[in-house]
């Protein structure tokens, strides 16, 4: 178990500034692997070398970073924060090298880590990445699908696991602390139901865990026709599948309705309908990097030109392409 916090070998800021990239990589590995032995194996080092490095890092930082026990190494609050900063510093070192090479050749290259929620990864990013590849073929996108629960995609950026997050933005469009970003598009919610149903508002509600921010929930609370969900699924794709089979209705944002299955109808919710803000977040440091700037430029272009997919037309199996409106 952790004991008293180590005494810093110099003033806290000066000592922490002496941390070497190797120490940061070891810190990140221990936090990720939850153990000194596992981290040593992952890095090709001995356990004693990893243990010695962590003790040195704790002295320089002036805080206990891991609780040692039979179950391995559990990061303390200080350790979790330090690991997040370490990942971001290591990423900046990679960016430094890529930017320096690019300055000499006039190119933009290297990995670009993107965290996105499911419907954005499926229906927004393919067009954006296609354009990005045409303009900057040296960029190597890595897309991670992250659920918009808890810290969500923005949390991946804050933790140093992603460079850019495509995220749902709160009703007040607040940017998470320590990040920069902006809104790309405001997409409306619609009533989604089996095509041809005579009274879709009478159907049971099918919903999913990630759906709706606080503003939409407040709108829901004022609608006495919306029942409590009888089916709660893991993602919006499952909701669409169930609605297409006549199992209920749903209230969904436009991006989720792209490529909706046959048998789905989309009805406008009318004046006062809720909307969802879709935006991006990154760190102030990475925002200045060429690769991140190139991606944000393509995200904005896709949104500004209407390329962000909207609701699919009604498909009821009869070949009709009309859309029901409220």
C-alpha atoms as a PDB file:
ATOM      1  CA  UNK A   1       0.000   0.000   0.000  1.00  0.00           C
ATOM      2  CA  UNK A   2       1.079   3.574  -0.538  1.00  0.00           C
ATOM      3  CA  UNK A   3       2.885   5.293   2.276  1.00  0.00           C
ATOM      4  CA  UNK A   4       3.734   8.908   2.842  1.00  0.00           C
ATOM      5  CA  UNK A   5       4.265  11.016  -0.229  1.00  0.00           C
ATOM      6  CA  UNK A   6       7.922  11.043  -1.317  1.00  0.00           C
ATOM      7  CA  UNK A   7       9.826  14.219  -0.676  1.00  0.00           C
ATOM      8  CA  UNK A   8      10.691  16.014  -3.894  1.00  0.00           C
ATOM      9  CA  UNK A   9      14.423  16.169  -4.597  1.00  0.00           C
ATOM     10  CA  UNK A  10      14.098  19.863  -5.538  1.00  0.00           C
ATOM     11  CA  UNK A  11      11.229  22.279  -5.873  1.00  0.00           C
ATOM     12  CA  UNK A  12       8.251  20.424  -7.348  1.00  0.00           C
ATOM     13  CA  UNK A  13       8.215  22.163 -10.713  1.00  0.00           C
ATOM     14  CA  UNK A  14      11.970  21.982 -11.221  1.00  0.00           C
ATOM     15  CA  UNK A  15      12.169  18.323 -10.249  1.00  0.00           C
ATOM     16  CA  UNK A  16       9.257  17.285 -12.451  1.00  0.00           C
ATOM     17  CA  UNK A  17      10.853  19.127 -15.349  1.00  0.00           C
ATOM     18  CA  UNK A  18      13.791  16.725 -15.063  1.00  0.00           C
ATOM     19  CA  UNK A  19      11.595  13.766 -16.010  1.00  0.00           C
ATOM     20  CA  UNK A  20      12.931  12.030 -19.101  1.00  0.00           C
ATOM     21  CA  UNK A  21      10.790  10.541 -21.883  1.00  0.00           C
ATOM     22  CA  UNK A  22      11.872   7.067 -20.772  1.00  0.00           C
ATOM     23  CA  UNK A  23      10.447   7.710 -17.304  1.00  0.00           C
ATOM     24  CA  UNK A  24       7.191   8.952 -18.814  1.00  0.00           C
ATOM     25  CA  UNK A  25       6.880   5.838 -20.980  1.00  0.00           C
ATOM     26  CA  UNK A  26       7.391   3.626 -17.943  1.00  0.00           C
ATOM     27  CA  UNK A  27       4.833   5.602 -15.956  1.00  0.00           C
ATOM     28  CA  UNK A  28       2.270   5.234 -18.764  1.00  0.00           C
ATOM     29  CA  UNK A  29       2.992   1.521 -19.117  1.00  0.00           C
ATOM     30  CA  UNK A  30       2.514   0.828 -15.384  1.00  0.00           C
ATOM     31  CA  UNK A  31      -0.734   2.790 -15.361  1.00  0.00           C
ATOM     32  CA  UNK A  32      -1.962   0.920 -18.426  1.00  0.00           C
ATOM     33  CA  UNK A  33      -0.853  -2.568 -17.386  1.00  0.00           C
ATOM     34  CA  UNK A  34      -1.708  -2.105 -13.695  1.00  0.00           C
ATOM     35  CA  UNK A  35       1.493  -3.797 -12.616  1.00  0.00           C
ATOM     36  CA  UNK A  36       5.273  -3.492 -12.639  1.00  0.00           C
ATOM     37  CA  UNK A  37       5.881  -6.972 -14.057  1.00  0.00           C
ATOM     38  CA  UNK A  38       3.376  -6.535 -16.869  1.00  0.00           C
ATOM     39  CA  UNK A  39       4.770  -3.096 -17.701  1.00  0.00           C
ATOM     40  CA  UNK A  40       8.302  -4.483 -17.724  1.00  0.00           C
ATOM     41  CA  UNK A  41       7.270  -7.238 -20.111  1.00  0.00           C
ATOM     42  CA  UNK A  42       5.510  -4.778 -22.397  1.00  0.00           C
ATOM     43  CA  UNK A  43       8.566  -2.514 -22.515  1.00  0.00           C
ATOM     44  CA  UNK A  44      11.214  -5.231 -22.647  1.00  0.00           C
ATOM     45  CA  UNK A  45      12.707  -4.166 -19.311  1.00  0.00           C
ATOM     46  CA  UNK A  46      13.313  -5.866 -15.995  1.00  0.00           C
ATOM     47  CA  UNK A  47      10.842  -5.440 -13.163  1.00  0.00           C
ATOM     48  CA  UNK A  48      13.542  -3.889 -10.994  1.00  0.00           C
ATOM     49  CA  UNK A  49      14.260  -1.276 -13.674  1.00  0.00           C
ATOM     50  CA  UNK A  50      10.578  -0.359 -13.841  1.00  0.00           C
ATOM     51  CA  UNK A  51      10.257  -0.224 -10.050  1.00  0.00           C
ATOM     52  CA  UNK A  52      13.385   1.920  -9.763  1.00  0.00           C
ATOM     53  CA  UNK A  53      12.100   4.306 -12.432  1.00  0.00           C
ATOM     54  CA  UNK A  54       8.703   4.744 -10.741  1.00  0.00           C
ATOM     55  CA  UNK A  55      10.343   5.441  -7.374  1.00  0.00           C
ATOM     56  CA  UNK A  56      12.480   8.090  -9.047  1.00  0.00           C
ATOM     57  CA  UNK A  57       9.476   9.631 -10.747  1.00  0.00           C
ATOM     58  CA  UNK A  58       7.593   9.750  -7.453  1.00  0.00           C
ATOM     59  CA  UNK A  59      10.524  11.541  -5.830  1.00  0.00           C
ATOM     60  CA  UNK A  60      10.665  14.102  -8.617  1.00  0.00           C
ATOM     61  CA  UNK A  61       6.911  14.660  -8.633  1.00  0.00           C
ATOM     62  CA  UNK A  62       6.643  14.610  -4.863  1.00  0.00           C
ATOM     63  CA  UNK A  63       3.634  12.295  -4.720  1.00  0.00           C
ATOM     64  CA  UNK A  64       2.809   8.597  -4.491  1.00  0.00           C
ATOM     65  CA  UNK A  65       1.666   7.546  -7.953  1.00  0.00           C
ATOM     66  CA  UNK A  66       0.757   3.880  -7.360  1.00  0.00           C
ATOM     67  CA  UNK A  67      -0.572   1.765  -4.548  1.00  0.00           C
ATOM     68  CA  UNK A  68       1.481  -1.443  -4.473  1.00  0.00           C
ATOM     69  CA  UNK A  69      -0.273  -4.624  -3.498  1.00  0.00           C
ATOM     70  CA  UNK A  70      -0.793  -8.276  -4.314  1.00  0.00           C
ATOM     71  CA  UNK A  71      -3.149  -7.311  -7.120  1.00  0.00           C
ATOM     72  CA  UNK A  72      -0.528  -5.172  -8.815  1.00  0.00           C
ATOM     73  CA  UNK A  73      -0.110  -1.414  -9.019  1.00  0.00           C
ATOM     74  CA  UNK A  74      -3.222   0.736  -8.752  1.00  0.00           C
ATOM     75  CA  UNK A  75      -2.796   4.384  -9.742  1.00  0.00           C
ATOM     76  CA  UNK A  76      -3.606   6.931  -7.078  1.00  0.00           C
ATOM     77  CA  UNK A  77      -5.390  10.129  -8.055  1.00  0.00           C
ATOM     78  CA  UNK A  78      -1.950  11.683  -8.488  1.00  0.00           C
ATOM     79  CA  UNK A  79      -0.839   8.720 -10.573  1.00  0.00           C
ATOM     80  CA  UNK A  80      -3.847   8.905 -12.889  1.00  0.00           C
ATOM     81  CA  UNK A  81      -3.291  12.630 -13.398  1.00  0.00           C
ATOM     82  CA  UNK A  82       0.434  12.139 -13.964  1.00  0.00           C
ATOM     83  CA  UNK A  83      -0.170   9.371 -16.512  1.00  0.00           C
ATOM     84  CA  UNK A  84      -2.605  11.561 -18.447  1.00  0.00           C
ATOM     85  CA  UNK A  85      -0.053  14.370 -18.600  1.00  0.00           C
ATOM     86  CA  UNK A  86       2.681  11.901 -19.523  1.00  0.00           C
ATOM     87  CA  UNK A  87       0.690  10.601 -22.484  1.00  0.00           C
ATOM     88  CA  UNK A  88       0.109  14.147 -23.691  1.00  0.00           C
ATOM     89  CA  UNK A  89       3.787  15.070 -23.324  1.00  0.00           C
ATOM     90  CA  UNK A  90       4.890  11.950 -25.200  1.00  0.00           C
ATOM     91  CA  UNK A  91       2.414  12.739 -27.958  1.00  0.00           C
ATOM     92  CA  UNK A  92       3.820  16.258 -28.219  1.00  0.00           C
ATOM     93  CA  UNK A  93       7.305  14.817 -28.631  1.00  0.00           C
ATOM     94  CA  UNK A  94       6.020  12.703 -31.520  1.00  0.00           C
ATOM     95  CA  UNK A  95       4.361  15.779 -32.991  1.00  0.00           C
ATOM     96  CA  UNK A  96       7.599  17.740 -32.615  1.00  0.00           C
ATOM     97  CA  UNK A  97       9.439  15.209 -34.756  1.00  0.00           C
ATOM     98  CA  UNK A  98       6.674  14.998 -37.368  1.00  0.00           C
ATOM     99  CA  UNK A  99       6.336  18.779 -37.604  1.00  0.00           C
ATOM    100  CA  UNK A 100      10.086  19.237 -37.938  1.00  0.00           C
ATOM    101  CA  UNK A 101      10.269  16.704 -40.773  1.00  0.00           C
ATOM    102  CA  UNK A 102       7.225  18.262 -42.425  1.00  0.00           C
ATOM    103  CA  UNK A 103       8.738  21.739 -42.254  1.00  0.00           C
ATOM    104  CA  UNK A 104      11.636  20.526 -44.349  1.00  0.00           C
ATOM    105  CA  UNK A 105       9.543  18.697 -46.945  1.00  0.00           C
ATOM    106  CA  UNK A 106       6.345  20.716 -46.981  1.00  0.00           C
ATOM    107  CA  UNK A 107       4.283  17.655 -46.083  1.00  0.00           C
ATOM    108  CA  UNK A 108       2.001  16.629 -43.229  1.00  0.00           C
ATOM    109  CA  UNK A 109       2.506  13.072 -42.027  1.00  0.00           C
ATOM    110  CA  UNK A 110       2.246  10.734 -39.080  1.00  0.00           C
ATOM    111  CA  UNK A 111      -0.472   9.127 -36.979  1.00  0.00           C
ATOM    112  CA  UNK A 112      -3.601  11.049 -36.026  1.00  0.00           C
ATOM    113  CA  UNK A 113      -5.704   9.535 -33.234  1.00  0.00           C
ATOM    114  CA  UNK A 114      -9.418  10.301 -33.432  1.00  0.00           C
ATOM    115  CA  UNK A 115     -12.013   9.347 -30.822  1.00  0.00           C
ATOM    116  CA  UNK A 116     -15.597   9.428 -32.083  1.00  0.00           C
ATOM    117  CA  UNK A 117     -18.988   8.224 -30.968  1.00  0.00           C
ATOM    118  CA  UNK A 118     -20.533   5.454 -33.037  1.00  0.00           C
ATOM    119  CA  UNK A 119     -22.756   7.321 -35.495  1.00  0.00           C
ATOM    120  CA  UNK A 120     -20.064   9.951 -36.142  1.00  0.00           C
ATOM    121  CA  UNK A 121     -17.512   7.214 -36.846  1.00  0.00           C
ATOM    122  CA  UNK A 122     -19.925   5.471 -39.219  1.00  0.00           C
ATOM    123  CA  UNK A 123     -21.479   8.370 -41.065  1.00  0.00           C
ATOM    124  CA  UNK A 124     -19.403  11.546 -40.638  1.00  0.00           C
ATOM    125  CA  UNK A 125     -15.767  10.481 -40.516  1.00  0.00           C
ATOM    126  CA  UNK A 126     -15.591   8.384 -43.718  1.00  0.00           C
ATOM    127  CA  UNK A 127     -16.245  11.443 -45.903  1.00  0.00           C
ATOM    128  CA  UNK A 128     -13.944  13.608 -43.808  1.00  0.00           C
ATOM    129  CA  UNK A 129     -11.106  11.076 -43.875  1.00  0.00           C
ATOM    130  CA  UNK A 130     -11.504  10.552 -47.608  1.00  0.00           C
ATOM    131  CA  UNK A 131     -10.979  14.266 -48.149  1.00  0.00           C
ATOM    132  CA  UNK A 132      -8.124  14.325 -45.673  1.00  0.00           C
ATOM    133  CA  UNK A 133      -6.357  11.458 -47.461  1.00  0.00           C
ATOM    134  CA  UNK A 134      -6.645  13.302 -50.773  1.00  0.00           C
ATOM    135  CA  UNK A 135      -5.111  16.476 -49.332  1.00  0.00           C
ATOM    136  CA  UNK A 136      -2.628  14.973 -46.861  1.00  0.00           C
ATOM    137  CA  UNK A 137      -1.848  11.365 -47.869  1.00  0.00           C
ATOM    138  CA  UNK A 138       0.919  11.115 -45.276  1.00  0.00           C
ATOM    139  CA  UNK A 139      -1.506  11.347 -42.342  1.00  0.00           C
ATOM    140  CA  UNK A 140      -2.369   7.964 -40.833  1.00  0.00           C
ATOM    141  CA  UNK A 141      -5.763   8.184 -39.075  1.00  0.00           C
ATOM    142  CA  UNK A 142      -6.500   5.883 -36.147  1.00  0.00           C
ATOM    143  CA  UNK A 143     -10.195   5.945 -35.241  1.00  0.00           C
ATOM    144  CA  UNK A 144     -11.443   4.758 -31.846  1.00  0.00           C
ATOM    145  CA  UNK A 145     -15.168   4.339 -31.277  1.00  0.00           C
ATOM    146  CA  UNK A 146     -15.917   5.575 -27.752  1.00  0.00           C
ATOM    147  CA  UNK A 147     -19.263   5.645 -25.993  1.00  0.00           C
ATOM    148  CA  UNK A 148     -20.528   9.102 -25.094  1.00  0.00           C
ATOM    149  CA  UNK A 149     -20.992   8.233 -21.451  1.00  0.00           C
ATOM    150  CA  UNK A 150     -19.085   9.741 -18.551  1.00  0.00           C
ATOM    151  CA  UNK A 151     -16.037  11.559 -19.918  1.00  0.00           C
ATOM    152  CA  UNK A 152     -16.838  10.241 -23.409  1.00  0.00           C
ATOM    153  CA  UNK A 153     -14.721  11.047 -26.442  1.00  0.00           C
ATOM    154  CA  UNK A 154     -13.497  14.356 -24.990  1.00  0.00           C
ATOM    155  CA  UNK A 155     -12.167  12.418 -22.010  1.00  0.00           C
ATOM    156  CA  UNK A 156      -9.961  10.388 -24.357  1.00  0.00           C
ATOM    157  CA  UNK A 157      -8.297  13.618 -25.471  1.00  0.00           C
ATOM    158  CA  UNK A 158      -7.956  14.930 -21.924  1.00  0.00           C
ATOM    159  CA  UNK A 159      -6.344  11.630 -20.909  1.00  0.00           C
ATOM    160  CA  UNK A 160      -3.888  11.788 -23.797  1.00  0.00           C
ATOM    161  CA  UNK A 161      -5.302   8.718 -25.575  1.00  0.00           C
ATOM    162  CA  UNK A 162      -6.610  10.648 -28.582  1.00  0.00           C
ATOM    163  CA  UNK A 163      -5.613  13.795 -30.436  1.00  0.00           C
ATOM    164  CA  UNK A 164      -9.081  14.905 -31.512  1.00  0.00           C
ATOM    165  CA  UNK A 165     -12.530  13.986 -30.250  1.00  0.00           C
ATOM    166  CA  UNK A 166     -15.667  14.133 -32.345  1.00  0.00           C
ATOM    167  CA  UNK A 167     -18.120  14.640 -29.530  1.00  0.00           C
ATOM    168  CA  UNK A 168     -21.616  15.607 -28.538  1.00  0.00           C
ATOM    169  CA  UNK A 169     -21.478  19.058 -26.997  1.00  0.00           C
ATOM    170  CA  UNK A 170     -23.552  20.094 -23.986  1.00  0.00           C
ATOM    171  CA  UNK A 171     -26.587  22.317 -24.348  1.00  0.00           C
ATOM    172  CA  UNK A 172     -24.525  25.330 -23.296  1.00  0.00           C
ATOM    173  CA  UNK A 173     -21.714  24.309 -25.699  1.00  0.00           C
ATOM    174  CA  UNK A 174     -19.222  24.270 -22.865  1.00  0.00           C
ATOM    175  CA  UNK A 175     -15.721  23.064 -23.644  1.00  0.00           C
ATOM    176  CA  UNK A 176     -14.246  20.541 -21.185  1.00  0.00           C
ATOM    177  CA  UNK A 177     -11.597  22.049 -18.910  1.00  0.00           C
ATOM    178  CA  UNK A 178      -8.171  22.174 -20.521  1.00  0.00           C
ATOM    179  CA  UNK A 179      -9.424  21.549 -24.061  1.00  0.00           C
ATOM    180  CA  UNK A 180     -10.325  23.727 -27.033  1.00  0.00           C
ATOM    181  CA  UNK A 181     -12.955  23.036 -29.645  1.00  0.00           C
ATOM    182  CA  UNK A 182     -16.099  24.120 -31.367  1.00  0.00           C
ATOM    183  CA  UNK A 183     -19.514  23.104 -32.623  1.00  0.00           C
ATOM    184  CA  UNK A 184     -19.656  21.626 -36.126  1.00  0.00           C
ATOM    185  CA  UNK A 185     -23.367  21.111 -36.636  1.00  0.00           C
ATOM    186  CA  UNK A 186     -26.699  21.314 -34.812  1.00  0.00           C
ATOM    187  CA  UNK A 187     -28.785  18.306 -35.792  1.00  0.00           C
ATOM    188  CA  UNK A 188     -32.496  17.935 -35.009  1.00  0.00           C
ATOM    189  CA  UNK A 189     -34.162  15.069 -33.224  1.00  0.00           C
ATOM    190  CA  UNK A 190     -37.061  13.349 -34.981  1.00  0.00           C
ATOM    191  CA  UNK A 191     -39.701  10.805 -34.164  1.00  0.00           C
ATOM    192  CA  UNK A 192     -38.696   7.469 -35.689  1.00  0.00           C
ATOM    193  CA  UNK A 193     -41.298   4.744 -36.067  1.00  0.00           C
ATOM    194  CA  UNK A 194     -42.483   1.857 -38.251  1.00  0.00           C
ATOM    195  CA  UNK A 195     -43.564   3.194 -41.647  1.00  0.00           C
ATOM    196  CA  UNK A 196     -47.309   3.249 -42.146  1.00  0.00           C
ATOM    197  CA  UNK A 197     -48.224   2.940 -38.479  1.00  0.00           C
ATOM    198  CA  UNK A 198     -51.518   4.824 -37.877  1.00  0.00           C
ATOM    199  CA  UNK A 199     -50.598   6.126 -34.412  1.00  0.00           C
ATOM    200  CA  UNK A 200     -46.812   6.078 -33.909  1.00  0.00           C
ATOM    201  CA  UNK A 201     -46.947   8.159 -30.711  1.00  0.00           C
ATOM    202  CA  UNK A 202     -48.911   5.377 -29.045  1.00  0.00           C
ATOM    203  CA  UNK A 203     -46.066   2.885 -29.475  1.00  0.00           C
ATOM    204  CA  UNK A 204     -43.643   1.827 -26.704  1.00  0.00           C
ATOM    205  CA  UNK A 205     -40.366   3.731 -26.543  1.00  0.00           C
ATOM    206  CA  UNK A 206     -37.070   2.136 -27.594  1.00  0.00           C
ATOM    207  CA  UNK A 207     -33.992   4.020 -26.399  1.00  0.00           C
ATOM    208  CA  UNK A 208     -30.233   3.631 -25.906  1.00  0.00           C
ATOM    209  CA  UNK A 209     -27.828   4.588 -23.139  1.00  0.00           C
ATOM    210  CA  UNK A 210     -25.988   7.375 -24.977  1.00  0.00           C
ATOM    211  CA  UNK A 211     -29.064   9.181 -26.248  1.00  0.00           C
ATOM    212  CA  UNK A 212     -29.809  12.775 -25.306  1.00  0.00           C
ATOM    213  CA  UNK A 213     -28.202  15.479 -23.255  1.00  0.00           C
ATOM    214  CA  UNK A 214     -29.804  17.402 -20.435  1.00  0.00           C
ATOM    215  CA  UNK A 215     -31.586  19.820 -22.775  1.00  0.00           C
ATOM    216  CA  UNK A 216     -33.259  16.988 -24.689  1.00  0.00           C
ATOM    217  CA  UNK A 217     -34.220  15.246 -21.472  1.00  0.00           C
ATOM    218  CA  UNK A 218     -35.894  18.442 -20.269  1.00  0.00           C
ATOM    219  CA  UNK A 219     -37.804  18.578 -23.534  1.00  0.00           C
ATOM    220  CA  UNK A 220     -38.797  14.953 -23.057  1.00  0.00           C
ATOM    221  CA  UNK A 221     -40.073  15.675 -19.559  1.00  0.00           C
ATOM    222  CA  UNK A 222     -42.547  18.184 -20.999  1.00  0.00           C
ATOM    223  CA  UNK A 223     -43.967  15.667 -23.487  1.00  0.00           C
ATOM    224  CA  UNK A 224     -46.673  13.685 -21.744  1.00  0.00           C
ATOM    225  CA  UNK A 225     -47.013  11.381 -24.769  1.00  0.00           C
ATOM    226  CA  UNK A 226     -43.486   9.954 -24.391  1.00  0.00           C
ATOM    227  CA  UNK A 227     -43.513   6.871 -22.132  1.00  0.00           C
ATOM    228  CA  UNK A 228     -40.648   5.415 -20.167  1.00  0.00           C
ATOM    229  CA  UNK A 229     -38.457   3.243 -22.365  1.00  0.00           C
ATOM    230  CA  UNK A 230     -39.544  -0.383 -22.421  1.00  0.00           C
ATOM    231  CA  UNK A 231     -36.401  -1.441 -24.297  1.00  0.00           C
ATOM    232  CA  UNK A 232     -32.962   0.056 -23.579  1.00  0.00           C
ATOM    233  CA  UNK A 233     -30.140  -0.964 -25.913  1.00  0.00           C
ATOM    234  CA  UNK A 234     -26.404  -0.423 -26.195  1.00  0.00           C
ATOM    235  CA  UNK A 235     -26.390   1.663 -29.388  1.00  0.00           C
ATOM    236  CA  UNK A 236     -28.565   3.498 -31.879  1.00  0.00           C
ATOM    237  CA  UNK A 237     -28.172   0.789 -34.515  1.00  0.00           C
ATOM    238  CA  UNK A 238     -29.999  -1.680 -32.297  1.00  0.00           C
ATOM    239  CA  UNK A 239     -32.751   0.905 -31.741  1.00  0.00           C
ATOM    240  CA  UNK A 240     -33.288   1.298 -35.487  1.00  0.00           C
ATOM    241  CA  UNK A 241     -33.382  -2.452 -35.999  1.00  0.00           C
ATOM    242  CA  UNK A 242     -36.041  -2.883 -33.326  1.00  0.00           C
ATOM    243  CA  UNK A 243     -38.154   0.023 -34.583  1.00  0.00           C
ATOM    244  CA  UNK A 244     -38.021  -1.377 -38.124  1.00  0.00           C
ATOM    245  CA  UNK A 245     -39.488  -4.626 -36.761  1.00  0.00           C
ATOM    246  CA  UNK A 246     -42.418  -2.782 -35.248  1.00  0.00           C
ATOM    247  CA  UNK A 247     -41.280  -3.093 -31.629  1.00  0.00           C
ATOM    248  CA  UNK A 248     -41.735   0.576 -30.818  1.00  0.00           C
ATOM    249  CA  UNK A 249     -40.853   4.161 -31.688  1.00  0.00           C
ATOM    250  CA  UNK A 250     -37.771   6.212 -30.847  1.00  0.00           C
ATOM    251  CA  UNK A 251     -36.607   9.825 -30.714  1.00  0.00           C
ATOM    252  CA  UNK A 252     -33.271  10.095 -32.476  1.00  0.00           C
ATOM    253  CA  UNK A 253     -30.828  12.689 -33.878  1.00  0.00           C
ATOM    254  CA  UNK A 254     -30.251  13.044 -37.612  1.00  0.00           C
ATOM    255  CA  UNK A 255     -26.795  11.465 -37.722  1.00  0.00           C
ATOM    256  CA  UNK A 256     -28.130   8.238 -36.238  1.00  0.00           C
ATOM    257  CA  UNK A 257     -30.681   7.946 -39.034  1.00  0.00           C
ATOM    258  CA  UNK A 258     -28.248   7.714 -41.925  1.00  0.00           C
ATOM    259  CA  UNK A 259     -28.707   4.394 -43.756  1.00  0.00           C
ATOM    260  CA  UNK A 260     -31.752   3.543 -41.647  1.00  0.00           C
ATOM    261  CA  UNK A 261     -33.149   0.080 -42.436  1.00  0.00           C
ATOM    262  CA  UNK A 262     -36.252  -0.599 -44.502  1.00  0.00           C
ATOM    263  CA  UNK A 263     -39.550  -0.058 -42.722  1.00  0.00           C
ATOM    264  CA  UNK A 264     -38.472   3.125 -40.905  1.00  0.00           C
ATOM    265  CA  UNK A 265     -40.387   6.397 -41.080  1.00  0.00           C
ATOM    266  CA  UNK A 266     -39.084   9.762 -39.805  1.00  0.00           C
ATOM    267  CA  UNK A 267     -41.544  12.380 -38.536  1.00  0.00           C
ATOM    268  CA  UNK A 268     -40.574  15.970 -37.792  1.00  0.00           C
ATOM    269  CA  UNK A 269     -41.240  16.875 -34.151  1.00  0.00           C
ATOM    270  CA  UNK A 270     -42.265  20.398 -35.087  1.00  0.00           C
ATOM    271  CA  UNK A 271     -41.470  23.772 -33.460  1.00  0.00           C
ATOM    272  CA  UNK A 272     -39.383  23.551 -30.323  1.00  0.00           C
ATOM    273  CA  UNK A 273     -37.946  20.184 -31.251  1.00  0.00           C
ATOM    274  CA  UNK A 274     -34.679  19.381 -29.486  1.00  0.00           C
ATOM    275  CA  UNK A 275     -31.330  19.417 -31.255  1.00  0.00           C
ATOM    276  CA  UNK A 276     -27.955  17.826 -30.643  1.00  0.00           C
ATOM    277  CA  UNK A 277     -24.698  19.716 -31.056  1.00  0.00           C
ATOM    278  CA  UNK A 278     -21.864  17.746 -32.638  1.00  0.00           C
ATOM    279  CA  UNK A 279     -18.410  19.251 -32.315  1.00  0.00           C
ATOM    280  CA  UNK A 280     -14.736  18.569 -31.834  1.00  0.00           C
ATOM    281  CA  UNK A 281     -12.222  18.904 -29.010  1.00  0.00           C
ATOM    282  CA  UNK A 282      -8.454  18.811 -28.865  1.00  0.00           C
ATOM    283  CA  UNK A 283      -5.697  20.152 -26.610  1.00  0.00           C
ATOM    284  CA  UNK A 284      -4.355  23.688 -27.022  1.00  0.00           C
ATOM    285  CA  UNK A 285      -0.937  22.255 -27.875  1.00  0.00           C
ATOM    286  CA  UNK A 286      -2.129  19.830 -30.544  1.00  0.00           C
ATOM    287  CA  UNK A 287      -4.495  22.427 -32.007  1.00  0.00           C
ATOM    288  CA  UNK A 288      -1.448  24.157 -33.455  1.00  0.00           C
ATOM    289  CA  UNK A 289      -0.203  20.980 -35.140  1.00  0.00           C
ATOM    290  CA  UNK A 290      -0.538  20.595 -38.892  1.00  0.00           C
ATOM    291  CA  UNK A 291      -2.286  17.204 -38.786  1.00  0.00           C
ATOM    292  CA  UNK A 292      -4.925  18.292 -36.271  1.00  0.00           C
ATOM    293  CA  UNK A 293      -5.505  21.555 -38.132  1.00  0.00           C
ATOM    294  CA  UNK A 294      -5.963  19.616 -41.372  1.00  0.00           C
ATOM    295  CA  UNK A 295      -8.553  17.320 -39.780  1.00  0.00           C
ATOM    296  CA  UNK A 296     -10.488  20.195 -38.213  1.00  0.00           C
ATOM    297  CA  UNK A 297     -10.511  21.985 -41.555  1.00  0.00           C
ATOM    298  CA  UNK A 298     -12.115  18.946 -43.203  1.00  0.00           C
ATOM    299  CA  UNK A 299     -14.603  18.509 -40.349  1.00  0.00           C
ATOM    300  CA  UNK A 300     -15.694  22.114 -40.715  1.00  0.00           C
ATOM    301  CA  UNK A 301     -15.892  21.817 -44.494  1.00  0.00           C
ATOM    302  CA  UNK A 302     -18.073  18.716 -44.290  1.00  0.00           C
ATOM    303  CA  UNK A 303     -20.401  20.408 -41.833  1.00  0.00           C
ATOM    304  CA  UNK A 304     -20.528  23.732 -43.653  1.00  0.00           C
ATOM    305  CA  UNK A 305     -21.363  22.210 -47.021  1.00  0.00           C
ATOM    306  CA  UNK A 306     -24.153  20.043 -45.715  1.00  0.00           C
ATOM    307  CA  UNK A 307     -22.164  16.857 -46.103  1.00  0.00           C
ATOM    308  CA  UNK A 308     -23.017  15.735 -42.598  1.00  0.00           C
ATOM    309  CA  UNK A 309     -25.652  13.098 -43.379  1.00  0.00           C
ATOM    310  CA  UNK A 310     -29.199  13.800 -42.302  1.00  0.00           C
ATOM    311  CA  UNK A 311     -32.167  11.504 -41.829  1.00  0.00           C
ATOM    312  CA  UNK A 312     -32.574   8.838 -44.447  1.00  0.00           C
ATOM    313  CA  UNK A 313     -35.776   8.829 -46.523  1.00  0.00           C
ATOM    314  CA  UNK A 314     -38.650   6.665 -45.379  1.00  0.00           C
ATOM    315  CA  UNK A 315     -38.309   3.109 -46.590  1.00  0.00           C
ATOM    316  CA  UNK A 316     -41.284   0.862 -46.054  1.00  0.00           C
ATOM    317  CA  UNK A 317     -40.384  -1.883 -48.500  1.00  0.00           C
ATOM    318  CA  UNK A 318     -42.702  -0.514 -51.206  1.00  0.00           C
ATOM    319  CA  UNK A 319     -40.042   1.556 -52.929  1.00  0.00           C
ATOM    320  CA  UNK A 320     -41.436   4.850 -51.633  1.00  0.00           C
ATOM    321  CA  UNK A 321     -38.922   7.596 -51.041  1.00  0.00           C
ATOM    322  CA  UNK A 322     -41.182  10.077 -49.277  1.00  0.00           C
ATOM    323  CA  UNK A 323     -40.726  11.299 -45.711  1.00  0.00           C
ATOM    324  CA  UNK A 324     -43.539  11.729 -43.234  1.00  0.00           C
ATOM    325  CA  UNK A 325     -43.709  15.108 -41.543  1.00  0.00           C
ATOM    326  CA  UNK A 326     -45.475  16.154 -38.407  1.00  0.00           C
END
